[in-house]
Amino acid sequence: MFLSNSLLHQLDRLHEVPLHYEDEETRVLAESVVPIEKLQARVTTQGAPRELERDLLLIELVQWFKRDFFRWINKPECDACNGKSEIEAIVGEGNTGPTPDETEGLAERIELYKCLRCSKKLRFP
């Protein structure tokens, strides 16, 4: 079976992703943000059997992430003047690609925007 270098590279990167989440510093940072006591209290007040508590905690975590933590952004605001921006290009494989910092942050595709007010270029991973 023949696999292209691009596919092998992508598989190699995907293999590394779970290792990133096992990093102690990353785990501690994540735990400092998640309101685990609050989520556990919600599970406890449901009065479910003890063997379901772990599953219910996971459901509470997902709901918290979606409702309270995550914020969808269609187009980023300019960090210099808070102006609106418009997309100019998408950078990924076959183009210049993400910067080393963006790649380290697991970004594979970067959207390039231009501020409509001050013309500043914005990179959005």
PDB file of N, CA and C in Angstrom:
ATOM      1  N   MET A   1       0.837  -1.176   0.000  1.00  0.00           N
ATOM      2  CA  MET A   1       0.000   0.000   0.000  1.00  0.00           C
ATOM      3  C   MET A   1       0.885   1.244   0.000  1.00  0.00           C
ATOM      4  N   PHE A   2       0.581   2.162  -0.884  1.00  0.00           N
ATOM      5  CA  PHE A   2       1.379   3.372  -1.040  1.00  0.00           C
ATOM      6  C   PHE A   2       0.739   4.526  -0.284  1.00  0.00           C
ATOM      7  N   LEU A   3       1.499   5.176   0.585  1.00  0.00           N
ATOM      8  CA  LEU A   3       1.022   6.354   1.305  1.00  0.00           C
ATOM      9  C   LEU A   3       1.897   7.542   0.924  1.00  0.00           C
ATOM     10  N   SER A   4       1.272   8.637   0.570  1.00  0.00           N
ATOM     11  CA  SER A   4       2.030   9.824   0.186  1.00  0.00           C
ATOM     12  C   SER A   4       2.735  10.415   1.406  1.00  0.00           C
ATOM     13  N   ASN A   5       3.782  11.180   1.136  1.00  0.00           N
ATOM     14  CA  ASN A   5       4.501  11.850   2.224  1.00  0.00           C
ATOM     15  C   ASN A   5       3.578  12.774   3.006  1.00  0.00           C
ATOM     16  N   SER A   6       2.654  13.421   2.300  1.00  0.00           N
ATOM     17  CA  SER A   6       1.708  14.323   2.957  1.00  0.00           C
ATOM     18  C   SER A   6       0.832  13.566   3.947  1.00  0.00           C
ATOM     19  N   LEU A   7       0.342  12.406   3.545  1.00  0.00           N
ATOM     20  CA  LEU A   7      -0.502  11.603   4.428  1.00  0.00           C
ATOM     21  C   LEU A   7       0.307  11.074   5.611  1.00  0.00           C
ATOM     22  N   LEU A   8       1.525  10.618   5.352  1.00  0.00           N
ATOM     23  CA  LEU A   8       2.380  10.137   6.440  1.00  0.00           C
ATOM     24  C   LEU A   8       2.683  11.256   7.435  1.00  0.00           C
ATOM     25  N   HIS A   9       2.942  12.443   6.909  1.00  0.00           N
ATOM     26  CA  HIS A   9       3.203  13.594   7.779  1.00  0.00           C
ATOM     27  C   HIS A   9       1.976  13.895   8.638  1.00  0.00           C
ATOM     28  N   GLN A  10       0.797  13.867   8.034  1.00  0.00           N
ATOM     29  CA  GLN A  10      -0.435  14.145   8.777  1.00  0.00           C
ATOM     30  C   GLN A  10      -0.682  13.077   9.842  1.00  0.00           C
ATOM     31  N   LEU A  11      -0.467  11.814   9.513  1.00  0.00           N
ATOM     32  CA  LEU A  11      -0.641  10.735  10.489  1.00  0.00           C
ATOM     33  C   LEU A  11       0.347  10.882  11.645  1.00  0.00           C
ATOM     34  N   ASP A  12       1.569  11.260  11.323  1.00  0.00           N
ATOM     35  CA  ASP A  12       2.581  11.461  12.361  1.00  0.00           C
ATOM     36  C   ASP A  12       2.165  12.587  13.303  1.00  0.00           C
ATOM     37  N   ARG A  13       1.669  13.678  12.741  1.00  0.00           N
ATOM     38  CA  ARG A  13       1.201  14.806  13.574  1.00  0.00           C
ATOM     39  C   ARG A  13       0.017  14.398  14.438  1.00  0.00           C
ATOM     40  N   LEU A  14      -0.939  13.662  13.858  1.00  0.00           N
ATOM     41  CA  LEU A  14      -2.117  13.237  14.615  1.00  0.00           C
ATOM     42  C   LEU A  14      -1.726  12.292  15.746  1.00  0.00           C
ATOM     43  N   HIS A  15      -0.701  11.498  15.528  1.00  0.00           N
ATOM     44  CA  HIS A  15      -0.215  10.585  16.560  1.00  0.00           C
ATOM     45  C   HIS A  15       0.321  11.356  17.761  1.00  0.00           C
ATOM     46  N   GLU A  16       0.881  12.534  17.509  1.00  0.00           N
ATOM     47  CA  GLU A  16       1.469  13.349  18.572  1.00  0.00           C
ATOM     48  C   GLU A  16       0.426  14.120  19.386  1.00  0.00           C
ATOM     49  N   VAL A  17      -0.759  14.347  18.841  1.00  0.00           N
ATOM     50  CA  VAL A  17      -1.771  15.172  19.515  1.00  0.00           C
ATOM     51  C   VAL A  17      -2.120  14.662  20.907  1.00  0.00           C
ATOM     52  N   PRO A  18      -2.444  13.374  21.093  1.00  0.00           N
ATOM     53  CA  PRO A  18      -2.781  12.923  22.452  1.00  0.00           C
ATOM     54  C   PRO A  18      -1.642  13.111  23.454  1.00  0.00           C
ATOM     55  N   LEU A  19      -0.413  13.035  22.990  1.00  0.00           N
ATOM     56  CA  LEU A  19       0.731  13.220  23.883  1.00  0.00           C
ATOM     57  C   LEU A  19       0.763  14.640  24.439  1.00  0.00           C
ATOM     58  N   HIS A  20       0.304  15.589  23.651  1.00  0.00           N
ATOM     59  CA  HIS A  20       0.248  16.986  24.094  1.00  0.00           C
ATOM     60  C   HIS A  20      -0.647  17.120  25.324  1.00  0.00           C
ATOM     61  N   TYR A  21      -1.731  16.369  25.364  1.00  0.00           N
ATOM     62  CA  TYR A  21      -2.680  16.474  26.472  1.00  0.00           C
ATOM     63  C   TYR A  21      -2.232  15.705  27.710  1.00  0.00           C
ATOM     64  N   GLU A  22      -1.212  14.885  27.576  1.00  0.00           N
ATOM     65  CA  GLU A  22      -0.663  14.167  28.725  1.00  0.00           C
ATOM     66  C   GLU A  22       0.422  14.976  29.430  1.00  0.00           C
ATOM     67  N   ASP A  23       0.814  16.080  28.837  1.00  0.00           N
ATOM     68  CA  ASP A  23       1.826  16.954  29.413  1.00  0.00           C
ATOM     69  C   ASP A  23       1.325  17.524  30.739  1.00  0.00           C
ATOM     70  N   GLU A  24       2.130  17.429  31.780  1.00  0.00           N
ATOM     71  CA  GLU A  24       1.737  17.859  33.129  1.00  0.00           C
ATOM     72  C   GLU A  24       1.367  19.343  33.176  1.00  0.00           C
ATOM     73  N   GLU A  25       2.148  20.182  32.537  1.00  0.00           N
ATOM     74  CA  GLU A  25       1.876  21.624  32.552  1.00  0.00           C
ATOM     75  C   GLU A  25       0.536  21.937  31.874  1.00  0.00           C
ATOM     76  N   THR A  26       0.260  21.264  30.761  1.00  0.00           N
ATOM     77  CA  THR A  26      -1.013  21.451  30.058  1.00  0.00           C
ATOM     78  C   THR A  26      -2.173  20.992  30.922  1.00  0.00           C
ATOM     79  N   ARG A  27      -2.017  19.864  31.592  1.00  0.00           N
ATOM     80  CA  ARG A  27      -3.074  19.321  32.449  1.00  0.00           C
ATOM     81  C   ARG A  27      -3.371  20.271  33.604  1.00  0.00           C
ATOM     82  N   VAL A  28      -2.334  20.780  34.238  1.00  0.00           N
ATOM     83  CA  VAL A  28      -2.516  21.702  35.365  1.00  0.00           C
ATOM     84  C   VAL A  28      -3.213  22.983  34.898  1.00  0.00           C
ATOM     85  N   LEU A  29      -2.817  23.491  33.745  1.00  0.00           N
ATOM     86  CA  LEU A  29      -3.448  24.690  33.203  1.00  0.00           C
ATOM     87  C   LEU A  29      -4.932  24.443  32.927  1.00  0.00           C
ATOM     88  N   ALA A  30      -5.251  23.312  32.317  1.00  0.00           N
ATOM     89  CA  ALA A  30      -6.657  22.976  32.038  1.00  0.00           C
ATOM     90  C   ALA A  30      -7.453  22.856  33.330  1.00  0.00           C
ATOM     91  N   GLU A  31      -6.891  22.190  34.323  1.00  0.00           N
ATOM     92  CA  GLU A  31      -7.588  22.017  35.601  1.00  0.00           C
ATOM     93  C   GLU A  31      -7.821  23.352  36.309  1.00  0.00           C
ATOM     94  N   SER A  32      -6.952  24.324  36.073  1.00  0.00           N
ATOM     95  CA  SER A  32      -7.126  25.628  36.719  1.00  0.00           C
ATOM     96  C   SER A  32      -8.290  26.414  36.120  1.00  0.00           C
ATOM     97  N   VAL A  33      -8.717  26.053  34.941  1.00  0.00           N
ATOM     98  CA  VAL A  33      -9.787  26.768  34.247  1.00  0.00           C
ATOM     99  C   VAL A  33     -11.147  26.099  34.438  1.00  0.00           C
ATOM    100  N   VAL A  34     -11.164  24.783  34.506  1.00  0.00           N
ATOM    101  CA  VAL A  34     -12.426  24.034  34.601  1.00  0.00           C
ATOM    102  C   VAL A  34     -12.988  24.125  36.019  1.00  0.00           C
ATOM    103  N   PRO A  35     -14.254  24.539  36.166  1.00  0.00           N
ATOM    104  CA  PRO A  35     -14.871  24.634  37.497  1.00  0.00           C
ATOM    105  C   PRO A  35     -15.370  23.257  37.958  1.00  0.00           C
ATOM    106  N   ILE A  36     -14.441  22.356  38.231  1.00  0.00           N
ATOM    107  CA  ILE A  36     -14.784  20.958  38.502  1.00  0.00           C
ATOM    108  C   ILE A  36     -15.718  20.797  39.701  1.00  0.00           C
ATOM    109  N   GLU A  37     -15.508  21.585  40.765  1.00  0.00           N
ATOM    110  CA  GLU A  37     -16.375  21.459  41.946  1.00  0.00           C
ATOM    111  C   GLU A  37     -17.820  21.808  41.598  1.00  0.00           C
ATOM    112  N   LYS A  38     -17.988  22.851  40.817  1.00  0.00           N
ATOM    113  CA  LYS A  38     -19.329  23.274  40.392  1.00  0.00           C
ATOM    114  C   LYS A  38     -19.992  22.185  39.539  1.00  0.00           C
ATOM    115  N   LEU A  39     -19.222  21.588  38.633  1.00  0.00           N
ATOM    116  CA  LEU A  39     -19.760  20.530  37.773  1.00  0.00           C
ATOM    117  C   LEU A  39     -20.111  19.291  38.596  1.00  0.00           C
ATOM    118  N   GLN A  40     -19.244  18.941  39.545  1.00  0.00           N
ATOM    119  CA  GLN A  40     -19.529  17.791  40.410  1.00  0.00           C
ATOM    120  C   GLN A  40     -20.772  18.041  41.257  1.00  0.00           C
ATOM    121  N   ALA A  41     -20.974  19.266  41.709  1.00  0.00           N
ATOM    122  CA  ALA A  41     -22.166  19.597  42.496  1.00  0.00           C
ATOM    123  C   ALA A  41     -23.428  19.426  41.662  1.00  0.00           C
ATOM    124  N   ARG A  42     -23.365  19.803  40.402  1.00  0.00           N
ATOM    125  CA  ARG A  42     -24.521  19.612  39.514  1.00  0.00           C
ATOM    126  C   ARG A  42     -24.858  18.134  39.367  1.00  0.00           C
ATOM    127  N   VAL A  43     -23.828  17.310  39.243  1.00  0.00           N
ATOM    128  CA  VAL A  43     -24.040  15.864  39.113  1.00  0.00           C
ATOM    129  C   VAL A  43     -24.668  15.316  40.389  1.00  0.00           C
ATOM    130  N   THR A  44     -24.153  15.720  41.527  1.00  0.00           N
ATOM    131  CA  THR A  44     -24.647  15.229  42.820  1.00  0.00           C
ATOM    132  C   THR A  44     -26.119  15.568  43.019  1.00  0.00           C
ATOM    133  N   THR A  45     -26.525  16.766  42.617  1.00  0.00           N
ATOM    134  CA  THR A  45     -27.922  17.176  42.815  1.00  0.00           C
ATOM    135  C   THR A  45     -28.891  16.439  41.897  1.00  0.00           C
ATOM    136  N   GLN A  46     -28.372  15.733  40.895  1.00  0.00           N
ATOM    137  CA  GLN A  46     -29.248  14.981  39.993  1.00  0.00           C
ATOM    138  C   GLN A  46     -29.762  13.700  40.644  1.00  0.00           C
ATOM    139  N   GLY A  47     -29.097  13.250  41.694  1.00  0.00           N
ATOM    140  CA  GLY A  47     -29.539  12.054  42.405  1.00  0.00           C
ATOM    141  C   GLY A  47     -29.436  10.770  41.598  1.00  0.00           C
ATOM    142  N   ALA A  48     -28.529  10.731  40.652  1.00  0.00           N
ATOM    143  CA  ALA A  48     -28.350   9.538  39.819  1.00  0.00           C
ATOM    144  C   ALA A  48     -27.551   8.481  40.576  1.00  0.00           C
ATOM    145  N   PRO A  49     -27.661   7.225  40.158  1.00  0.00           N
ATOM    146  CA  PRO A  49     -26.855   6.167  40.777  1.00  0.00           C
ATOM    147  C   PRO A  49     -25.364   6.491  40.666  1.00  0.00           C
ATOM    148  N   ARG A  50     -24.613   6.093  41.680  1.00  0.00           N
ATOM    149  CA  ARG A  50     -23.178   6.403  41.759  1.00  0.00           C
ATOM    150  C   ARG A  50     -22.406   5.930  40.524  1.00  0.00           C
ATOM    151  N   GLU A  51     -22.800   4.796  39.971  1.00  0.00           N
ATOM    152  CA  GLU A  51     -22.056   4.269  38.813  1.00  0.00           C
ATOM    153  C   GLU A  51     -22.233   5.137  37.558  1.00  0.00           C
ATOM    154  N   LEU A  52     -23.200   6.047  37.560  1.00  0.00           N
ATOM    155  CA  LEU A  52     -23.400   6.944  36.415  1.00  0.00           C
ATOM    156  C   LEU A  52     -22.740   8.309  36.603  1.00  0.00           C
ATOM    157  N   GLU A  53     -22.223   8.575  37.789  1.00  0.00           N
ATOM    158  CA  GLU A  53     -21.692   9.907  38.089  1.00  0.00           C
ATOM    159  C   GLU A  53     -20.551  10.327  37.163  1.00  0.00           C
ATOM    160  N   ARG A  54     -19.691   9.404  36.815  1.00  0.00           N
ATOM    161  CA  ARG A  54     -18.568   9.752  35.934  1.00  0.00           C
ATOM    162  C   ARG A  54     -19.079  10.172  34.552  1.00  0.00           C
ATOM    163  N   ASP A  55     -20.058   9.423  34.032  1.00  0.00           N
ATOM    164  CA  ASP A  55     -20.636   9.768  32.730  1.00  0.00           C
ATOM    165  C   ASP A  55     -21.363  11.109  32.793  1.00  0.00           C
ATOM    166  N   LEU A  56     -22.098  11.328  33.870  1.00  0.00           N
ATOM    167  CA  LEU A  56     -22.821  12.592  34.028  1.00  0.00           C
ATOM    168  C   LEU A  56     -21.862  13.771  34.176  1.00  0.00           C
ATOM    169  N   LEU A  57     -20.731  13.541  34.833  1.00  0.00           N
ATOM    170  CA  LEU A  57     -19.722  14.596  34.961  1.00  0.00           C
ATOM    171  C   LEU A  57     -19.163  14.963  33.584  1.00  0.00           C
ATOM    172  N   LEU A  58     -18.950  13.968  32.758  1.00  0.00           N
ATOM    173  CA  LEU A  58     -18.464  14.229  31.403  1.00  0.00           C
ATOM    174  C   LEU A  58     -19.493  15.050  30.621  1.00  0.00           C
ATOM    175  N   ILE A  59     -20.765  14.712  30.759  1.00  0.00           N
ATOM    176  CA  ILE A  59     -21.828  15.475  30.089  1.00  0.00           C
ATOM    177  C   ILE A  59     -21.838  16.918  30.588  1.00  0.00           C
ATOM    178  N   GLU A  60     -21.710  17.106  31.889  1.00  0.00           N
ATOM    179  CA  GLU A  60     -21.658  18.458  32.457  1.00  0.00           C
ATOM    180  C   GLU A  60     -20.453  19.231  31.921  1.00  0.00           C
ATOM    181  N   LEU A  61     -19.311  18.552  31.805  1.00  0.00           N
ATOM    182  CA  LEU A  61     -18.101  19.191  31.287  1.00  0.00           C
ATOM    183  C   LEU A  61     -18.306  19.652  29.843  1.00  0.00           C
ATOM    184  N   VAL A  62     -18.883  18.800  29.027  1.00  0.00           N
ATOM    185  CA  VAL A  62     -19.129  19.155  27.620  1.00  0.00           C
ATOM    186  C   VAL A  62     -20.090  20.337  27.531  1.00  0.00           C
ATOM    187  N   GLN A  63     -21.148  20.300  28.327  1.00  0.00           N
ATOM    188  CA  GLN A  63     -22.112  21.406  28.312  1.00  0.00           C
ATOM    189  C   GLN A  63     -21.465  22.706  28.787  1.00  0.00           C
ATOM    190  N   TRP A  64     -20.639  22.646  29.830  1.00  0.00           N
ATOM    191  CA  TRP A  64     -19.934  23.835  30.312  1.00  0.00           C
ATOM    192  C   TRP A  64     -19.033  24.397  29.217  1.00  0.00           C
ATOM    193  N   PHE A  65     -18.297  23.514  28.560  1.00  0.00           N
ATOM    194  CA  PHE A  65     -17.386  23.948  27.501  1.00  0.00           C
ATOM    195  C   PHE A  65     -18.157  24.663  26.398  1.00  0.00           C
ATOM    196  N   LYS A  66     -19.261  24.066  25.985  1.00  0.00           N
ATOM    197  CA  LYS A  66     -20.042  24.628  24.881  1.00  0.00           C
ATOM    198  C   LYS A  66     -20.762  25.922  25.278  1.00  0.00           C
ATOM    199  N   ARG A  67     -21.347  25.975  26.460  1.00  0.00           N
ATOM    200  CA  ARG A  67     -22.152  27.130  26.884  1.00  0.00           C
ATOM    201  C   ARG A  67     -21.322  28.277  27.455  1.00  0.00           C
ATOM    202  N   ASP A  68     -20.354  27.947  28.294  1.00  0.00           N
ATOM    203  CA  ASP A  68     -19.682  28.976  29.089  1.00  0.00           C
ATOM    204  C   ASP A  68     -18.239  29.281  28.683  1.00  0.00           C
ATOM    205  N   PHE A  69     -17.512  28.297  28.217  1.00  0.00           N
ATOM    206  CA  PHE A  69     -16.084  28.481  27.970  1.00  0.00           C
ATOM    207  C   PHE A  69     -15.791  28.888  26.529  1.00  0.00           C
ATOM    208  N   PHE A  70     -16.329  28.145  25.595  1.00  0.00           N
ATOM    209  CA  PHE A  70     -16.032  28.329  24.179  1.00  0.00           C
ATOM    210  C   PHE A  70     -16.778  29.536  23.627  1.00  0.00           C
ATOM    211  N   ARG A  71     -16.135  30.290  22.784  1.00  0.00           N
ATOM    212  CA  ARG A  71     -16.773  31.412  22.107  1.00  0.00           C
ATOM    213  C   ARG A  71     -16.456  31.335  20.623  1.00  0.00           C
ATOM    214  N   TRP A  72     -17.504  31.204  19.810  1.00  0.00           N
ATOM    215  CA  TRP A  72     -17.326  31.112  18.361  1.00  0.00           C
ATOM    216  C   TRP A  72     -16.995  32.488  17.802  1.00  0.00           C
ATOM    217  N   ILE A  73     -16.042  32.535  16.883  1.00  0.00           N
ATOM    218  CA  ILE A  73     -15.661  33.791  16.244  1.00  0.00           C
ATOM    219  C   ILE A  73     -15.715  33.589  14.743  1.00  0.00           C
ATOM    220  N   ASN A  74     -16.574  34.338  14.068  1.00  0.00           N
ATOM    221  CA  ASN A  74     -16.632  34.263  12.611  1.00  0.00           C
ATOM    222  C   ASN A  74     -15.489  35.047  11.983  1.00  0.00           C
ATOM    223  N   LYS A  75     -15.306  36.267  12.440  1.00  0.00           N
ATOM    224  CA  LYS A  75     -14.219  37.121  11.963  1.00  0.00           C
ATOM    225  C   LYS A  75     -13.628  37.821  13.182  1.00  0.00           C
ATOM    226  N   PRO A  76     -12.320  37.725  13.367  1.00  0.00           N
ATOM    227  CA  PRO A  76     -11.726  38.355  14.557  1.00  0.00           C
ATOM    228  C   PRO A  76     -11.765  39.880  14.470  1.00  0.00           C
ATOM    229  N   GLU A  77     -11.913  40.508  15.636  1.00  0.00           N
ATOM    230  CA  GLU A  77     -11.781  41.962  15.703  1.00  0.00           C
ATOM    231  C   GLU A  77     -10.298  42.304  15.724  1.00  0.00           C
ATOM    232  N   CYS A  78      -9.972  43.451  15.202  1.00  0.00           N
ATOM    233  CA  CYS A  78      -8.590  43.919  15.194  1.00  0.00           C
ATOM    234  C   CYS A  78      -8.137  44.180  16.626  1.00  0.00           C
ATOM    235  N   ASP A  79      -6.982  43.658  16.981  1.00  0.00           N
ATOM    236  CA  ASP A  79      -6.478  43.862  18.342  1.00  0.00           C
ATOM    237  C   ASP A  79      -5.836  45.245  18.518  1.00  0.00           C
ATOM    238  N   ALA A  80      -5.679  45.993  17.432  1.00  0.00           N
ATOM    239  CA  ALA A  80      -5.110  47.337  17.527  1.00  0.00           C
ATOM    240  C   ALA A  80      -6.193  48.408  17.675  1.00  0.00           C
ATOM    241  N   CYS A  81      -7.325  48.254  16.932  1.00  0.00           N
ATOM    242  CA  CYS A  81      -8.339  49.317  16.943  1.00  0.00           C
ATOM    243  C   CYS A  81      -9.760  48.798  17.175  1.00  0.00           C
ATOM    244  N   ASN A  82      -9.902  47.478  17.395  1.00  0.00           N
ATOM    245  CA  ASN A  82     -11.210  46.832  17.585  1.00  0.00           C
ATOM    246  C   ASN A  82     -12.115  46.936  16.363  1.00  0.00           C
ATOM    247  N   GLY A  83     -11.519  47.205  15.205  1.00  0.00           N
ATOM    248  CA  GLY A  83     -12.291  47.293  13.971  1.00  0.00           C
ATOM    249  C   GLY A  83     -12.678  45.919  13.446  1.00  0.00           C
ATOM    250  N   LYS A  84     -13.627  45.909  12.510  1.00  0.00           N
ATOM    251  CA  LYS A  84     -14.046  44.666  11.859  1.00  0.00           C
ATOM    252  C   LYS A  84     -12.996  44.271  10.833  1.00  0.00           C
ATOM    253  N   SER A  85     -12.986  42.973  10.501  1.00  0.00           N
ATOM    254  CA  SER A  85     -12.004  42.485   9.542  1.00  0.00           C
ATOM    255  C   SER A  85     -12.689  41.665   8.456  1.00  0.00           C
ATOM    256  N   GLU A  86     -11.988  41.497   7.356  1.00  0.00           N
ATOM    257  CA  GLU A  86     -12.441  40.656   6.248  1.00  0.00           C
ATOM    258  C   GLU A  86     -11.336  39.665   5.923  1.00  0.00           C
ATOM    259  N   ILE A  87     -11.745  38.462   5.537  1.00  0.00           N
ATOM    260  CA  ILE A  87     -10.754  37.429   5.217  1.00  0.00           C
ATOM    261  C   ILE A  87     -10.067  37.755   3.895  1.00  0.00           C
ATOM    262  N   GLU A  88      -8.775  37.500   3.853  1.00  0.00           N
ATOM    263  CA  GLU A  88      -7.994  37.701   2.641  1.00  0.00           C
ATOM    264  C   GLU A  88      -7.530  36.382   2.051  1.00  0.00           C
ATOM    265  N   ALA A  89      -7.153  35.431   2.906  1.00  0.00           N
ATOM    266  CA  ALA A  89      -6.622  34.160   2.412  1.00  0.00           C
ATOM    267  C   ALA A  89      -6.657  33.124   3.526  1.00  0.00           C
ATOM    268  N   ILE A  90      -6.487  31.871   3.113  1.00  0.00           N
ATOM    269  CA  ILE A  90      -6.344  30.763   4.055  1.00  0.00           C
ATOM    270  C   ILE A  90      -4.985  30.140   3.796  1.00  0.00           C
ATOM    271  N   VAL A  91      -4.185  30.040   4.833  1.00  0.00           N
ATOM    272  CA  VAL A  91      -2.830  29.516   4.716  1.00  0.00           C
ATOM    273  C   VAL A  91      -2.817  28.096   5.259  1.00  0.00           C
ATOM    274  N   GLY A  92      -2.294  27.185   4.483  1.00  0.00           N
ATOM    275  CA  GLY A  92      -2.207  25.799   4.919  1.00  0.00           C
ATOM    276  C   GLY A  92      -1.194  25.081   4.065  1.00  0.00           C
ATOM    277  N   GLU A  93      -1.356  23.781   3.954  1.00  0.00           N
ATOM    278  CA  GLU A  93      -0.428  23.011   3.135  1.00  0.00           C
ATOM    279  C   GLU A  93      -0.484  23.512   1.699  1.00  0.00           C
ATOM    280  N   GLY A  94       0.664  23.589   1.075  1.00  0.00           N
ATOM    281  CA  GLY A  94       0.736  24.068  -0.289  1.00  0.00           C
ATOM    282  C   GLY A  94       0.949  25.575  -0.367  1.00  0.00           C
ATOM    283  N   ASN A  95       0.752  26.274   0.732  1.00  0.00           N
ATOM    284  CA  ASN A  95       1.015  27.713   0.800  1.00  0.00           C
ATOM    285  C   ASN A  95       2.218  27.915   1.710  1.00  0.00           C
ATOM    286  N   THR A  96       2.326  29.088   2.277  1.00  0.00           N
ATOM    287  CA  THR A  96       3.456  29.347   3.165  1.00  0.00           C
ATOM    288  C   THR A  96       3.349  28.572   4.464  1.00  0.00           C
ATOM    289  N   GLY A  97       2.139  28.203   4.850  1.00  0.00           N
ATOM    290  CA  GLY A  97       1.938  27.401   6.053  1.00  0.00           C
ATOM    291  C   GLY A  97       1.955  28.223   7.321  1.00  0.00           C
ATOM    292  N   PRO A  98       1.560  27.597   8.420  1.00  0.00           N
ATOM    293  CA  PRO A  98       1.563  28.274   9.714  1.00  0.00           C
ATOM    294  C   PRO A  98       2.986  28.560  10.186  1.00  0.00           C
ATOM    295  N   THR A  99       3.113  29.526  11.079  1.00  0.00           N
ATOM    296  CA  THR A  99       4.409  29.839  11.677  1.00  0.00           C
ATOM    297  C   THR A  99       4.793  28.705  12.635  1.00  0.00           C
ATOM    298  N   PRO A 100       6.055  28.633  13.046  1.00  0.00           N
ATOM    299  CA  PRO A 100       6.440  27.604  14.022  1.00  0.00           C
ATOM    300  C   PRO A 100       5.623  27.679  15.313  1.00  0.00           C
ATOM    301  N   ASP A 101       5.335  28.890  15.801  1.00  0.00           N
ATOM    302  CA  ASP A 101       4.511  29.031  17.013  1.00  0.00           C
ATOM    303  C   ASP A 101       3.104  28.495  16.786  1.00  0.00           C
ATOM    304  N   GLU A 102       2.525  28.780  15.628  1.00  0.00           N
ATOM    305  CA  GLU A 102       1.174  28.300  15.316  1.00  0.00           C
ATOM    306  C   GLU A 102       1.162  26.784  15.183  1.00  0.00           C
ATOM    307  N   THR A 103       2.202  26.235  14.584  1.00  0.00           N
ATOM    308  CA  THR A 103       2.307  24.784  14.447  1.00  0.00           C
ATOM    309  C   THR A 103       2.459  24.130  15.812  1.00  0.00           C
ATOM    310  N   GLU A 104       3.235  24.746  16.690  1.00  0.00           N
ATOM    311  CA  GLU A 104       3.401  24.214  18.045  1.00  0.00           C
ATOM    312  C   GLU A 104       2.069  24.213  18.791  1.00  0.00           C
ATOM    313  N   GLY A 105       1.214  25.175  18.479  1.00  0.00           N
ATOM    314  CA  GLY A 105      -0.125  25.239  19.063  1.00  0.00           C
ATOM    315  C   GLY A 105      -1.118  24.342  18.344  1.00  0.00           C
ATOM    316  N   LEU A 106      -0.628  23.472  17.477  1.00  0.00           N
ATOM    317  CA  LEU A 106      -1.399  22.474  16.733  1.00  0.00           C
ATOM    318  C   LEU A 106      -2.255  23.062  15.617  1.00  0.00           C
ATOM    319  N   ALA A 107      -1.977  24.282  15.183  1.00  0.00           N
ATOM    320  CA  ALA A 107      -2.706  24.866  14.056  1.00  0.00           C
ATOM    321  C   ALA A 107      -2.122  24.337  12.754  1.00  0.00           C
ATOM    322  N   GLU A 108      -2.987  23.893  11.876  1.00  0.00           N
ATOM    323  CA  GLU A 108      -2.545  23.427  10.563  1.00  0.00           C
ATOM    324  C   GLU A 108      -2.993  24.372   9.461  1.00  0.00           C
ATOM    325  N   ARG A 109      -4.022  25.161   9.755  1.00  0.00           N
ATOM    326  CA  ARG A 109      -4.584  26.068   8.768  1.00  0.00           C
ATOM    327  C   ARG A 109      -4.789  27.424   9.440  1.00  0.00           C
ATOM    328  N   ILE A 110      -4.350  28.466   8.785  1.00  0.00           N
ATOM    329  CA  ILE A 110      -4.435  29.815   9.336  1.00  0.00           C
ATOM    330  C   ILE A 110      -5.245  30.685   8.381  1.00  0.00           C
ATOM    331  N   GLU A 111      -6.195  31.431   8.937  1.00  0.00           N
ATOM    332  CA  GLU A 111      -6.959  32.380   8.139  1.00  0.00           C
ATOM    333  C   GLU A 111      -6.305  33.749   8.283  1.00  0.00           C
ATOM    334  N   LEU A 112      -6.107  34.424   7.159  1.00  0.00           N
ATOM    335  CA  LEU A 112      -5.504  35.753   7.158  1.00  0.00           C
ATOM    336  C   LEU A 112      -6.602  36.793   6.938  1.00  0.00           C
ATOM    337  N   TYR A 113      -6.669  37.775   7.841  1.00  0.00           N
ATOM    338  CA  TYR A 113      -7.676  38.827   7.770  1.00  0.00           C
ATOM    339  C   TYR A 113      -6.990  40.179   7.665  1.00  0.00           C
ATOM    340  N   LYS A 114      -7.751  41.153   7.176  1.00  0.00           N
ATOM    341  CA  LYS A 114      -7.274  42.534   7.120  1.00  0.00           C
ATOM    342  C   LYS A 114      -8.320  43.413   7.793  1.00  0.00           C
ATOM    343  N   CYS A 115      -7.870  44.252   8.713  1.00  0.00           N
ATOM    344  CA  CYS A 115      -8.768  45.171   9.408  1.00  0.00           C
ATOM    345  C   CYS A 115      -9.297  46.203   8.412  1.00  0.00           C
ATOM    346  N   LEU A 116     -10.609  46.409   8.431  1.00  0.00           N
ATOM    347  CA  LEU A 116     -11.230  47.370   7.516  1.00  0.00           C
ATOM    348  C   LEU A 116     -11.007  48.817   7.953  1.00  0.00           C
ATOM    349  N   ARG A 117     -10.617  49.020   9.207  1.00  0.00           N
ATOM    350  CA  ARG A 117     -10.415  50.376   9.725  1.00  0.00           C
ATOM    351  C   ARG A 117      -8.954  50.818   9.591  1.00  0.00           C
ATOM    352  N   CYS A 118      -8.021  50.007  10.111  1.00  0.00           N
ATOM    353  CA  CYS A 118      -6.610  50.443  10.141  1.00  0.00           C
ATOM    354  C   CYS A 118      -5.702  49.631   9.209  1.00  0.00           C
ATOM    355  N   SER A 119      -6.269  48.635   8.519  1.00  0.00           N
ATOM    356  CA  SER A 119      -5.554  47.802   7.536  1.00  0.00           C
ATOM    357  C   SER A 119      -4.529  46.851   8.141  1.00  0.00           C
ATOM    358  N   LYS A 120      -4.541  46.680   9.456  1.00  0.00           N
ATOM    359  CA  LYS A 120      -3.616  45.734  10.082  1.00  0.00           C
ATOM    360  C   LYS A 120      -3.952  44.317   9.617  1.00  0.00           C
ATOM    361  N   LYS A 121      -2.916  43.516   9.405  1.00  0.00           N
ATOM    362  CA  LYS A 121      -3.086  42.110   9.034  1.00  0.00           C
ATOM    363  C   LYS A 121      -3.258  41.279  10.304  1.00  0.00           C
ATOM    364  N   LEU A 122      -4.219  40.358  10.290  1.00  0.00           N
ATOM    365  CA  LEU A 122      -4.507  39.495  11.435  1.00  0.00           C
ATOM    366  C   LEU A 122      -4.372  38.043  11.012  1.00  0.00           C
ATOM    367  N   ARG A 123      -3.768  37.240  11.872  1.00  0.00           N
ATOM    368  CA  ARG A 123      -3.654  35.793  11.645  1.00  0.00           C
ATOM    369  C   ARG A 123      -4.549  35.103  12.666  1.00  0.00           C
ATOM    370  N   PHE A 124      -5.390  34.191  12.184  1.00  0.00           N
ATOM    371  CA  PHE A 124      -6.349  33.524  13.062  1.00  0.00           C
ATOM    372  C   PHE A 124      -6.232  32.014  12.906  1.00  0.00           C
ATOM    373  N   PRO A 125      -5.654  31.341  13.922  1.00  0.00           N
ATOM    374  CA  PRO A 125      -5.537  29.877  13.830  1.00  0.00           C
ATOM    375  C   PRO A 125      -6.858  29.194  14.130  1.00  0.00           C
TER     376      PRO A 125
END
